[in-house]
């Protein structure tokens, strides 16, 4: 259980930072929020991947990681847009 949570945090940090890198332009999102979005994306993406039938894949679960990455990109993009709106006020 503790190992699963630890790997989710590590994987979430990596996925969140990678998501931030693929979004063009400057994001006004703190690094800790990016990591938080990544961690949430790992949990949601894992559940969604299981619903989509990506449960047992041999080797690295690329399909599951792509789902997690897509959710992380959407989350960081949403935070970036919300941060931009807040800064414009």
Protein backbone atom coordinates (compact mmCIF):
# COMPACT_ATOMS: atom_id res chain seq x y z
CA UNK A 1 0.00 0.00 0.00
CA UNK A 2 2.70 2.49 1.00
CA UNK A 3 4.78 1.45 -2.00
CA UNK A 4 1.83 2.06 -4.32
CA UNK A 5 1.31 5.55 -2.93
CA UNK A 6 5.03 6.31 -3.19
CA UNK A 7 5.16 5.18 -6.83
CA UNK A 8 2.00 7.20 -7.58
CA UNK A 9 3.66 10.33 -6.18
CA UNK A 10 6.90 9.72 -8.09
CA UNK A 11 5.06 8.84 -11.31
CA UNK A 12 2.70 11.77 -10.83
CA UNK A 13 5.61 14.18 -10.43
CA UNK A 14 7.19 12.92 -13.64
CA UNK A 15 3.94 12.90 -15.62
CA UNK A 16 2.94 16.33 -14.32
CA UNK A 17 6.27 17.89 -15.27
CA UNK A 18 6.21 16.23 -18.71
CA UNK A 19 2.68 17.53 -19.24
CA UNK A 20 3.88 21.02 -18.40
CA UNK A 21 6.70 20.72 -20.93
CA UNK A 22 4.41 19.87 -23.87
CA UNK A 23 2.06 22.82 -23.31
CA UNK A 24 3.31 25.78 -25.35
CA UNK A 25 3.91 29.15 -23.76
CA UNK A 26 4.43 30.13 -20.17
CA UNK A 27 2.27 28.58 -17.51
CA UNK A 28 1.59 30.49 -14.33
CA UNK A 29 1.28 27.29 -12.36
CA UNK A 30 3.56 26.56 -9.39
CA UNK A 31 5.64 23.37 -9.54
CA UNK A 32 3.79 21.86 -6.56
CA UNK A 33 0.44 22.29 -8.34
CA UNK A 34 1.89 20.61 -11.43
CA UNK A 35 3.03 17.68 -9.30
CA UNK A 36 -0.39 17.56 -7.62
CA UNK A 37 -2.14 17.45 -10.98
CA UNK A 38 0.21 14.65 -12.03
CA UNK A 39 -0.54 12.59 -8.92
CA UNK A 40 -4.29 13.01 -9.39
CA UNK A 41 -3.88 12.13 -13.09
CA UNK A 42 -2.09 8.91 -12.15
CA UNK A 43 -4.96 7.78 -9.92
CA UNK A 44 -7.72 8.84 -12.33
CA UNK A 45 -5.82 7.53 -15.35
CA UNK A 46 -5.26 4.15 -13.74
CA UNK A 47 -8.97 3.78 -13.00
CA UNK A 48 -9.97 4.97 -16.46
CA UNK A 49 -7.46 2.64 -18.12
CA UNK A 50 -8.97 -0.30 -16.22
CA UNK A 51 -12.46 0.74 -17.32
CA UNK A 52 -11.22 0.91 -20.93
CA UNK A 53 -9.81 -2.61 -20.60
CA UNK A 54 -6.09 -1.88 -20.33
CA UNK A 55 -5.70 -4.07 -17.23
CA UNK A 56 -3.20 -6.76 -18.11
CA UNK A 57 -0.58 -5.64 -20.56
CA UNK A 58 2.78 -7.37 -20.84
CA UNK A 59 5.77 -5.20 -19.96
CA UNK A 60 5.35 -1.47 -19.53
CA UNK A 61 1.75 -0.25 -19.51
CA UNK A 62 2.13 2.32 -22.30
CA UNK A 63 -1.60 2.64 -22.89
CA UNK A 64 -2.25 3.36 -19.21
CA UNK A 65 0.59 5.89 -19.12
CA UNK A 66 -0.78 7.66 -22.20
CA UNK A 67 -4.18 7.95 -20.52
CA UNK A 68 -2.52 9.33 -17.38
CA UNK A 69 -0.43 11.74 -19.44
CA UNK A 70 -3.48 13.01 -21.34
CA UNK A 71 -5.31 13.70 -18.10
CA UNK A 72 -2.24 15.48 -16.70
CA UNK A 73 -1.95 17.68 -19.81
CA UNK A 74 -5.63 18.61 -19.52
CA UNK A 75 -5.23 19.36 -15.81
CA UNK A 76 -2.12 21.53 -16.20
CA UNK A 77 -3.74 23.34 -19.12
CA UNK A 78 -6.84 24.00 -17.03
CA UNK A 79 -4.74 25.35 -14.15
CA UNK A 80 -2.79 27.50 -16.58
CA UNK A 81 -5.97 29.03 -18.00
CA UNK A 82 -7.39 29.61 -14.53
CA UNK A 83 -4.10 31.18 -13.41
CA UNK A 84 -4.08 33.47 -16.44
CA UNK A 85 -7.63 34.63 -15.68
CA UNK A 86 -6.74 35.32 -12.07
CA UNK A 87 -3.63 37.30 -13.10
CA UNK A 88 -5.68 39.40 -15.56
CA UNK A 89 -7.97 40.72 -12.81
